[in-house]
Amino acid sequence: MKANTFNICPTCIHRDTCVLTTQKSQVWSCSEYDESSTKVNQINIKKNAQPEMAMA
């Protein structure tokens, strides 16, 4: 059987402790999904890390 190319489990930070399913090769959507480090997340963190300007 061909592997699901849309499987999200390999990039989920909960993969090792997940008890929602044993069929991890078949998951393409999950309400408990938290993505591990990616370029998109790193870019968003850099944008949000800028200091706020304050008026004195």
PDB file of N, CA and C in Angstrom:
ATOM      1  N   MET A   1       0.832  -1.181   0.000  1.00  0.00           N
ATOM      2  CA  MET A   1       0.000   0.000   0.000  1.00  0.00           C
ATOM      3  C   MET A   1       0.882   1.252   0.000  1.00  0.00           C
ATOM      4  N   LYS A   2       0.509   2.234  -0.779  1.00  0.00           N
ATOM      5  CA  LYS A   2       1.272   3.472  -0.898  1.00  0.00           C
ATOM      6  C   LYS A   2       1.089   4.336   0.352  1.00  0.00           C
ATOM      7  N   ALA A   3       2.172   4.956   0.837  1.00  0.00           N
ATOM      8  CA  ALA A   3       2.114   5.823   2.018  1.00  0.00           C
ATOM      9  C   ALA A   3       1.344   7.099   1.712  1.00  0.00           C
ATOM     10  N   ASN A   4       0.634   7.590   2.693  1.00  0.00           N
ATOM     11  CA  ASN A   4      -0.129   8.825   2.559  1.00  0.00           C
ATOM     12  C   ASN A   4       0.842  10.008   2.558  1.00  0.00           C
ATOM     13  N   THR A   5       0.911  10.759   1.459  1.00  0.00           N
ATOM     14  CA  THR A   5       1.848  11.872   1.350  1.00  0.00           C
ATOM     15  C   THR A   5       1.401  13.089   2.150  1.00  0.00           C
ATOM     16  N   PHE A   6       0.163  13.081   2.652  1.00  0.00           N
ATOM     17  CA  PHE A   6      -0.347  14.207   3.431  1.00  0.00           C
ATOM     18  C   PHE A   6      -0.331  13.927   4.938  1.00  0.00           C
ATOM     19  N   ASN A   7       0.324  12.861   5.335  1.00  0.00           N
ATOM     20  CA  ASN A   7       0.382  12.476   6.742  1.00  0.00           C
ATOM     21  C   ASN A   7       1.043  13.579   7.570  1.00  0.00           C
ATOM     22  N   ILE A   8       0.360  14.046   8.614  1.00  0.00           N
ATOM     23  CA  ILE A   8       0.897  15.125   9.450  1.00  0.00           C
ATOM     24  C   ILE A   8       1.638  14.619  10.680  1.00  0.00           C
ATOM     25  N   CYS A   9       1.509  13.355  11.004  1.00  0.00           N
ATOM     26  CA  CYS A   9       2.123  12.829  12.226  1.00  0.00           C
ATOM     27  C   CYS A   9       3.645  12.996  12.310  1.00  0.00           C
ATOM     28  N   PRO A  10       4.399  12.801  11.239  1.00  0.00           N
ATOM     29  CA  PRO A  10       5.856  12.927  11.363  1.00  0.00           C
ATOM     30  C   PRO A  10       6.332  14.294  11.863  1.00  0.00           C
ATOM     31  N   THR A  11       5.540  15.353  11.665  1.00  0.00           N
ATOM     32  CA  THR A  11       5.959  16.685  12.098  1.00  0.00           C
ATOM     33  C   THR A  11       5.260  17.130  13.379  1.00  0.00           C
ATOM     34  N   CYS A  12       4.480  16.262  13.991  1.00  0.00           N
ATOM     35  CA  CYS A  12       3.757  16.617  15.214  1.00  0.00           C
ATOM     36  C   CYS A  12       4.634  16.383  16.442  1.00  0.00           C
ATOM     37  N   ILE A  13       4.646  17.337  17.359  1.00  0.00           N
ATOM     38  CA  ILE A  13       5.485  17.200  18.555  1.00  0.00           C
ATOM     39  C   ILE A  13       4.920  16.175  19.542  1.00  0.00           C
ATOM     40  N   HIS A  14       3.692  15.739  19.352  1.00  0.00           N
ATOM     41  CA  HIS A  14       3.063  14.768  20.252  1.00  0.00           C
ATOM     42  C   HIS A  14       3.132  13.332  19.732  1.00  0.00           C
ATOM     43  N   ARG A  15       3.808  13.114  18.628  1.00  0.00           N
ATOM     44  CA  ARG A  15       3.825  11.794  17.974  1.00  0.00           C
ATOM     45  C   ARG A  15       4.192  10.661  18.925  1.00  0.00           C
ATOM     46  N   ASP A  16       5.216  10.846  19.735  1.00  0.00           N
ATOM     47  CA  ASP A  16       5.696   9.759  20.599  1.00  0.00           C
ATOM     48  C   ASP A  16       4.759   9.436  21.755  1.00  0.00           C
ATOM     49  N   THR A  17       3.940  10.406  22.158  1.00  0.00           N
ATOM     50  CA  THR A  17       3.045  10.190  23.304  1.00  0.00           C
ATOM     51  C   THR A  17       1.576  10.165  22.913  1.00  0.00           C
ATOM     52  N   CYS A  18       1.269  10.317  21.638  1.00  0.00           N
ATOM     53  CA  CYS A  18      -0.110  10.380  21.159  1.00  0.00           C
ATOM     54  C   CYS A  18      -0.848   9.059  21.373  1.00  0.00           C
ATOM     55  N   VAL A  19      -2.065   9.162  21.911  1.00  0.00           N
ATOM     56  CA  VAL A  19      -2.896   7.982  22.107  1.00  0.00           C
ATOM     57  C   VAL A  19      -4.204   8.082  21.323  1.00  0.00           C
ATOM     58  N   LEU A  20      -4.322   9.096  20.460  1.00  0.00           N
ATOM     59  CA  LEU A  20      -5.556   9.292  19.709  1.00  0.00           C
ATOM     60  C   LEU A  20      -5.768   8.211  18.660  1.00  0.00           C
ATOM     61  N   THR A  21      -4.692   7.707  18.097  1.00  0.00           N
ATOM     62  CA  THR A  21      -4.810   6.634  17.094  1.00  0.00           C
ATOM     63  C   THR A  21      -3.505   5.864  16.998  1.00  0.00           C
ATOM     64  N   THR A  22      -3.627   4.603  16.632  1.00  0.00           N
ATOM     65  CA  THR A  22      -2.430   3.805  16.352  1.00  0.00           C
ATOM     66  C   THR A  22      -2.141   3.820  14.863  1.00  0.00           C
ATOM     67  N   GLN A  23      -3.069   4.345  14.069  1.00  0.00           N
ATOM     68  CA  GLN A  23      -2.953   4.407  12.612  1.00  0.00           C
ATOM     69  C   GLN A  23      -2.282   5.714  12.177  1.00  0.00           C
ATOM     70  N   LYS A  24      -1.117   6.013  12.706  1.00  0.00           N
ATOM     71  CA  LYS A  24      -0.464   7.298  12.452  1.00  0.00           C
ATOM     72  C   LYS A  24      -0.081   7.518  10.988  1.00  0.00           C
ATOM     73  N   SER A  25       0.016   6.480  10.213  1.00  0.00           N
ATOM     74  CA  SER A  25       0.346   6.640   8.797  1.00  0.00           C
ATOM     75  C   SER A  25      -0.860   7.092   7.975  1.00  0.00           C
ATOM     76  N   GLN A  26      -2.039   7.156   8.590  1.00  0.00           N
ATOM     77  CA  GLN A  26      -3.260   7.517   7.876  1.00  0.00           C
ATOM     78  C   GLN A  26      -3.806   8.893   8.274  1.00  0.00           C
ATOM     79  N   VAL A  27      -3.142   9.624   9.159  1.00  0.00           N
ATOM     80  CA  VAL A  27      -3.675  10.877   9.701  1.00  0.00           C
ATOM     81  C   VAL A  27      -3.351  12.062   8.802  1.00  0.00           C
ATOM     82  N   TRP A  28      -4.369  12.798   8.403  1.00  0.00           N
ATOM     83  CA  TRP A  28      -4.156  14.012   7.602  1.00  0.00           C
ATOM     84  C   TRP A  28      -4.784  15.230   8.262  1.00  0.00           C
ATOM     85  N   SER A  29      -5.530  15.032   9.351  1.00  0.00           N
ATOM     86  CA  SER A  29      -6.122  16.134  10.097  1.00  0.00           C
ATOM     87  C   SER A  29      -6.269  15.701  11.549  1.00  0.00           C
ATOM     88  N   CYS A  30      -5.944  16.604  12.479  1.00  0.00           N
ATOM     89  CA  CYS A  30      -6.008  16.254  13.892  1.00  0.00           C
ATOM     90  C   CYS A  30      -6.154  17.520  14.725  1.00  0.00           C
ATOM     91  N   SER A  31      -7.132  17.540  15.629  1.00  0.00           N
ATOM     92  CA  SER A  31      -7.347  18.727  16.459  1.00  0.00           C
ATOM     93  C   SER A  31      -6.257  18.889  17.518  1.00  0.00           C
ATOM     94  N   GLU A  32      -5.470  17.851  17.757  1.00  0.00           N
ATOM     95  CA  GLU A  32      -4.394  17.904  18.752  1.00  0.00           C
ATOM     96  C   GLU A  32      -3.032  18.184  18.120  1.00  0.00           C
ATOM     97  N   TYR A  33      -3.012  18.398  16.807  1.00  0.00           N
ATOM     98  CA  TYR A  33      -1.753  18.569  16.072  1.00  0.00           C
ATOM     99  C   TYR A  33      -1.040  19.860  16.461  1.00  0.00           C
ATOM    100  N   ASP A  34       0.209  19.736  16.851  1.00  0.00           N
ATOM    101  CA  ASP A  34       1.100  20.871  17.094  1.00  0.00           C
ATOM    102  C   ASP A  34       2.353  20.619  16.278  1.00  0.00           C
ATOM    103  N   GLU A  35       2.604  21.503  15.343  1.00  0.00           N
ATOM    104  CA  GLU A  35       3.723  21.320  14.427  1.00  0.00           C
ATOM    105  C   GLU A  35       5.052  21.589  15.114  1.00  0.00           C
ATOM    106  N   SER A  36       6.012  20.756  14.810  1.00  0.00           N
ATOM    107  CA  SER A  36       7.355  20.994  15.310  1.00  0.00           C
ATOM    108  C   SER A  36       8.000  22.107  14.497  1.00  0.00           C
ATOM    109  N   SER A  37       9.178  22.462  14.838  1.00  0.00           N
ATOM    110  CA  SER A  37       9.878  23.586  14.235  1.00  0.00           C
ATOM    111  C   SER A  37       9.889  23.529  12.708  1.00  0.00           C
ATOM    112  N   THR A  38       9.430  24.623  12.081  1.00  0.00           N
ATOM    113  CA  THR A  38       9.469  24.749  10.620  1.00  0.00           C
ATOM    114  C   THR A  38       9.891  26.161  10.278  1.00  0.00           C
ATOM    115  N   LYS A  39      10.182  26.397   9.019  1.00  0.00           N
ATOM    116  CA  LYS A  39      10.562  27.739   8.587  1.00  0.00           C
ATOM    117  C   LYS A  39       9.444  28.735   8.844  1.00  0.00           C
ATOM    118  N   VAL A  40       8.191  28.333   8.622  1.00  0.00           N
ATOM    119  CA  VAL A  40       7.072  29.247   8.825  1.00  0.00           C
ATOM    120  C   VAL A  40       7.006  29.671  10.289  1.00  0.00           C
ATOM    121  N   ASN A  41       7.125  28.725  11.200  1.00  0.00           N
ATOM    122  CA  ASN A  41       7.094  29.058  12.623  1.00  0.00           C
ATOM    123  C   ASN A  41       8.279  29.929  13.017  1.00  0.00           C
ATOM    124  N   GLN A  42       9.450  29.649  12.465  1.00  0.00           N
ATOM    125  CA  GLN A  42      10.636  30.436  12.790  1.00  0.00           C
ATOM    126  C   GLN A  42      10.499  31.866  12.295  1.00  0.00           C
ATOM    127  N   ILE A  43       9.903  32.056  11.117  1.00  0.00           N
ATOM    128  CA  ILE A  43       9.683  33.402  10.589  1.00  0.00           C
ATOM    129  C   ILE A  43       8.699  34.159  11.472  1.00  0.00           C
ATOM    130  N   ASN A  44       7.621  33.514  11.877  1.00  0.00           N
ATOM    131  CA  ASN A  44       6.634  34.158  12.743  1.00  0.00           C
ATOM    132  C   ASN A  44       7.223  34.527  14.094  1.00  0.00           C
ATOM    133  N   ILE A  45       8.077  33.685  14.641  1.00  0.00           N
ATOM    134  CA  ILE A  45       8.712  33.983  15.923  1.00  0.00           C
ATOM    135  C   ILE A  45       9.613  35.210  15.782  1.00  0.00           C
ATOM    136  N   LYS A  46      10.370  35.290  14.691  1.00  0.00           N
ATOM    137  CA  LYS A  46      11.252  36.436  14.477  1.00  0.00           C
ATOM    138  C   LYS A  46      10.451  37.724  14.349  1.00  0.00           C
ATOM    139  N   LYS A  47       9.326  37.671  13.650  1.00  0.00           N
ATOM    140  CA  LYS A  47       8.488  38.859  13.485  1.00  0.00           C
ATOM    141  C   LYS A  47       7.918  39.308  14.819  1.00  0.00           C
ATOM    142  N   ASN A  48       7.499  38.367  15.654  1.00  0.00           N
ATOM    143  CA  ASN A  48       6.898  38.690  16.946  1.00  0.00           C
ATOM    144  C   ASN A  48       7.932  39.057  18.000  1.00  0.00           C
ATOM    145  N   ALA A  49       9.196  38.789  17.758  1.00  0.00           N
ATOM    146  CA  ALA A  49      10.241  39.043  18.734  1.00  0.00           C
ATOM    147  C   ALA A  49      10.733  40.492  18.710  1.00  0.00           C
ATOM    148  N   GLN A  50      10.247  41.296  17.794  1.00  0.00           N
ATOM    149  CA  GLN A  50      10.697  42.675  17.720  1.00  0.00           C
ATOM    150  C   GLN A  50      10.205  43.454  18.949  1.00  0.00           C
ATOM    151  N   PRO A  51      11.065  44.289  19.521  1.00  0.00           N
ATOM    152  CA  PRO A  51      10.660  45.053  20.715  1.00  0.00           C
ATOM    153  C   PRO A  51       9.575  46.094  20.378  1.00  0.00           C
ATOM    154  N   GLU A  52       8.701  46.309  21.341  1.00  0.00           N
ATOM    155  CA  GLU A  52       7.649  47.305  21.154  1.00  0.00           C
ATOM    156  C   GLU A  52       8.215  48.687  21.437  1.00  0.00           C
ATOM    157  N   MET A  53       7.706  49.677  20.712  1.00  0.00           N
ATOM    158  CA  MET A  53       8.120  51.052  20.961  1.00  0.00           C
ATOM    159  C   MET A  53       7.194  51.635  22.015  1.00  0.00           C
ATOM    160  N   ALA A  54       7.780  52.386  22.929  1.00  0.00           N
ATOM    161  CA  ALA A  54       6.972  52.997  23.990  1.00  0.00           C
ATOM    162  C   ALA A  54       7.252  54.483  24.043  1.00  0.00           C
ATOM    163  N   MET A  55       6.216  55.240  24.344  1.00  0.00           N
ATOM    164  CA  MET A  55       6.359  56.677  24.499  1.00  0.00           C
ATOM    165  C   MET A  55       6.672  56.969  25.973  1.00  0.00           C
ATOM    166  N   ALA A  56       7.647  57.842  26.198  1.00  0.00           N
ATOM    167  CA  ALA A  56       8.002  58.174  27.578  1.00  0.00           C
ATOM    168  C   ALA A  56       7.375  59.489  27.990  1.00  0.00           C
TER     169      ALA A  56
END
